[in-house]
Protein backbone atom coordinates (compact mmCIF):
# COMPACT_ATOMS: atom_id res chain seq x y z
CA PHE A 1 -14.17 10.39 0.15
CA TYR A 2 -15.64 14.12 0.01
CA ILE A 3 -19.00 15.55 0.76
CA LYS A 4 -20.09 16.71 -3.09
CA GLY A 5 -18.48 20.57 -4.40
CA SER A 6 -16.55 20.16 -1.40
CA ASN A 7 -13.68 19.71 0.39
CA ASP A 8 -15.71 18.10 3.61
CA ILE A 9 -14.28 14.51 4.53
CA VAL A 10 -17.51 11.69 4.61
CA SER A 11 -16.63 9.73 7.89
CA ILE A 12 -17.19 6.71 7.39
CA GLU A 13 -16.89 3.40 9.61
CA TYR A 14 -15.95 0.45 7.34
CA CYS A 15 -15.82 0.22 3.43
CA MET A 16 -16.18 -3.03 1.73
CA LEU A 17 -13.86 -2.10 -0.93
CA MET A 18 -10.87 -2.67 1.41
CA ASN A 19 -10.13 -5.73 3.19
CA ASP A 20 -10.42 -5.78 7.20
CA ASP A 21 -6.68 -4.95 8.64
CA ILE A 22 -7.12 -1.74 6.01
CA ASN A 23 -10.55 -0.70 7.91
CA LYS A 24 -8.60 -1.49 11.63
CA VAL A 25 -5.91 0.97 10.92
CA PHE A 26 -8.35 2.85 9.57
CA SER A 27 -10.74 3.06 12.56
CA ILE A 28 -7.43 3.03 14.72
CA PHE A 29 -5.69 6.00 12.83
CA LYS A 30 -9.46 8.07 13.46
CA ASP A 31 -8.67 7.48 17.16
CA TYR A 32 -5.14 8.42 17.15
CA LEU A 33 -6.22 11.63 15.00
CA HIS A 34 -8.79 12.76 17.55
CA SER A 35 -6.15 12.25 20.44
CA LEU A 36 -3.97 15.20 18.60
CA ASP A 37 -4.09 18.88 19.59
CA GLU A 38 -4.81 21.04 16.43
CA ASP A 39 -1.58 22.00 15.76
CA LYS A 40 0.05 18.52 15.13
CA SER A 41 -3.44 17.36 13.42
CA CYS A 42 -4.19 19.91 11.05
CA LEU A 43 0.27 18.66 9.38
CA ILE A 44 -1.74 15.48 8.45
CA LYS A 45 -2.57 15.36 4.65
CA HIS A 46 -3.49 11.39 3.63
CA LEU A 47 -2.69 8.35 4.95
CA VAL A 48 -1.45 5.27 2.91
CA VAL A 49 -1.59 1.85 3.93
CA ARG A 50 -0.33 -1.32 1.77
CA ALA A 51 -2.15 -5.11 3.29
CA ILE A 52 -0.82 -8.71 2.13
CA ALA A 53 -1.37 -12.06 3.79
CA HIS A 54 -1.56 -9.55 7.18
CA GLN A 55 1.29 -7.89 6.51
CA ILE A 56 1.22 -4.03 6.66
CA LEU A 57 2.58 -0.79 5.90
CA VAL A 58 1.40 2.46 7.00
CA GLY A 59 2.73 5.90 5.84
CA LEU A 60 1.35 9.27 7.36
CA ILE A 61 1.96 11.93 4.76
CA ILE A 62 2.62 15.02 6.97
CA LYS A 63 3.70 19.29 6.17
CA SER A 64 6.60 18.97 8.39
CA ASP A 65 8.12 16.44 10.98
CA PHE A 66 6.88 15.82 14.26
CA ASP A 67 6.71 12.00 16.43
CA CYS A 68 4.60 9.97 16.23
CA SER A 69 5.58 6.81 17.98
CA ALA A 70 2.10 7.10 19.67
CA PHE A 71 0.25 6.82 16.59
CA TYR A 72 2.96 3.39 15.78
CA THR A 73 2.06 1.80 19.90
CA LEU A 74 -1.14 2.18 18.97
CA LEU A 75 -0.52 0.13 15.39
CA GLU A 76 1.48 -2.42 17.20
CA ASN A 77 -0.65 -2.98 19.94
CA ASN A 78 -3.57 -4.55 17.22
CA PHE A 79 -1.25 -5.95 14.30
CA SER A 80 1.86 -8.38 14.67
CA LYS A 81 3.24 -7.50 11.08
CA ILE A 82 2.92 -3.22 11.17
CA GLY A 83 6.00 -1.54 9.99
CA LEU A 84 4.85 2.77 10.14
CA TYR A 85 6.39 5.23 7.73
CA LYS A 86 6.26 8.99 7.76
CA ILE A 87 6.65 11.22 4.66
CA ILE A 88 7.19 15.27 4.90
CA ASN A 89 5.72 16.13 2.07
CA ASN A 90 5.10 20.18 1.88
CA ARG A 91 4.22 20.00 -1.98
CA ARG A 92 0.80 22.25 -2.84
CA ASP A 93 -0.26 19.60 -5.45
CA SER A 94 -2.07 16.21 -5.55
CA VAL A 95 1.03 13.86 -5.55
CA VAL A 96 1.05 11.79 -2.02
CA LEU A 97 3.90 10.15 -2.18
CA SER A 98 6.58 12.73 -2.50
CA GLY A 99 9.15 13.95 -0.10
CA LYS A 100 11.51 12.75 2.45
CA THR A 101 10.09 9.07 3.81
CA ILE A 102 11.83 8.06 7.30
CA HIS A 103 11.09 4.48 8.93
CA VAL A 104 9.02 5.10 12.47
CA SER A 105 9.22 1.14 13.00
CA GLY A 106 8.24 -1.86 12.73
CA ILE A 107 8.44 -4.22 8.99
CA LYS A 108 10.26 -2.42 6.52
CA GLU A 109 8.73 -4.04 3.82
CA ILE A 110 6.39 -6.77 2.66
CA VAL A 111 6.62 -10.06 1.74
CA ASN A 112 4.70 -12.55 -0.61
CA ASN A 113 4.44 -15.43 -2.06
CA ASN A 114 2.65 -16.00 -5.35
CA PHE A 115 2.80 -18.46 -8.19
CA ASN A 116 6.07 -19.59 -6.39
CA LEU A 117 7.79 -16.57 -6.55
CA THR A 118 9.14 -14.84 -3.69
CA TYR A 119 8.80 -10.48 -3.79
CA SER A 120 8.67 -7.80 -1.81
CA VAL A 121 6.67 -4.71 -1.83
CA ASP A 122 7.69 -1.23 0.34
CA LEU A 123 5.49 1.63 0.90
CA LEU A 124 6.50 3.54 -2.38
CA GLY A 125 6.45 0.19 -4.42
CA PHE A 126 3.63 -0.43 -6.91
CA GLN A 127 0.69 -3.19 -5.61
CA GLN A 128 -2.08 -4.50 -6.86
CA THR A 129 -4.53 -3.86 -3.92
CA ASN A 130 -7.03 -6.93 -4.19
CA ILE A 131 -4.64 -9.78 -3.73
CA GLU A 132 -7.05 -12.37 -4.89
CA SER A 133 -8.11 -10.74 -8.24
CA GLN A 134 -4.98 -10.81 -8.90
CA VAL A 135 -4.14 -14.56 -8.94
CA ILE A 136 -7.44 -14.91 -10.90
CA VAL A 137 -6.36 -12.37 -13.44
CA TYR A 138 -2.74 -14.02 -13.75
CA ARG A 139 -4.18 -17.64 -13.55
CA LYS A 140 -6.00 -17.09 -16.67
CA VAL A 141 -3.18 -14.87 -18.48
CA LEU A 142 -0.57 -18.26 -17.38
CA ASP A 143 -3.59 -20.37 -19.24
CA LEU A 144 -2.80 -18.54 -22.72
CA ILE A 145 0.56 -18.99 -22.49
CA LYS A 146 1.70 -21.58 -25.20
CA PRO A 147 5.00 -23.84 -23.99
CA ASN A 148 7.92 -21.95 -25.66
CA SER A 149 6.40 -18.28 -26.92
CA VAL A 150 8.15 -15.17 -25.90
CA VAL A 151 6.00 -12.71 -24.21
CA ILE A 152 5.41 -9.28 -24.20
CA ASN A 153 4.18 -8.14 -20.79
CA GLY A 154 3.72 -4.33 -21.69
CA PHE A 155 2.51 -1.89 -18.78
CA SER A 156 4.37 -4.57 -16.38
CA GLY A 157 4.76 -1.88 -13.47
CA GLU A 158 6.85 -3.93 -10.48
CA ARG A 159 7.14 -6.52 -13.49
CA LEU A 160 5.46 -9.35 -11.10
CA LEU A 161 3.39 -10.96 -14.10
CA SER A 162 6.52 -10.92 -16.08
CA GLY A 163 8.38 -13.23 -13.45
CA ILE A 164 5.44 -15.19 -13.13
CA LEU A 165 4.75 -15.68 -17.35
CA THR A 166 9.11 -17.30 -17.06
CA SER A 167 6.77 -20.21 -15.71
CA GLU A 168 5.66 -21.11 -19.43
CA ALA A 169 7.10 -18.80 -21.90
CA LYS A 170 10.35 -19.24 -23.12
CA HIS A 171 11.35 -15.37 -22.85
CA VAL A 172 9.67 -13.04 -21.12
CA TYR A 173 10.03 -9.11 -21.95
CA GLY A 174 8.72 -6.78 -19.38
CA ARG A 175 8.46 -3.15 -20.28
CA GLU A 176 6.44 -0.44 -17.88
């Protein structure tokens, strides 16, 4: 978050909107950032974190490449299923997940199971940020499906809901 009318970041210790794993990654990142010399710290543009079922993927979005293995070591000391990517993004616009993507170490994807459907998501893939809410909404949608119905799932993204709906509907068409 930024201070109103500026590019100054508001420092936060804990965000209630994020799960505890993401808050912990953020805390570790702040410590790592303070340990870097100014030449390296000014290369960091963004931090992206995906966390599902205590599996965590972290993306360090940087202007140019540098060794960030020390950051991975800090993460690995705190989490059992962690993966770190760096994305070299020297764009001058608001696009974050663009550029050369390099897997530094650890897991490469998160694997999860909902509604008897196993799926994986990587750092660049779309996934709902609140799994608990996702399950509630998907359950309600499933309750609306009548047997032998044909369902069109518009704006289906990664088509996870489309896959889940196949358990109830005769045909499901997912379109992004």
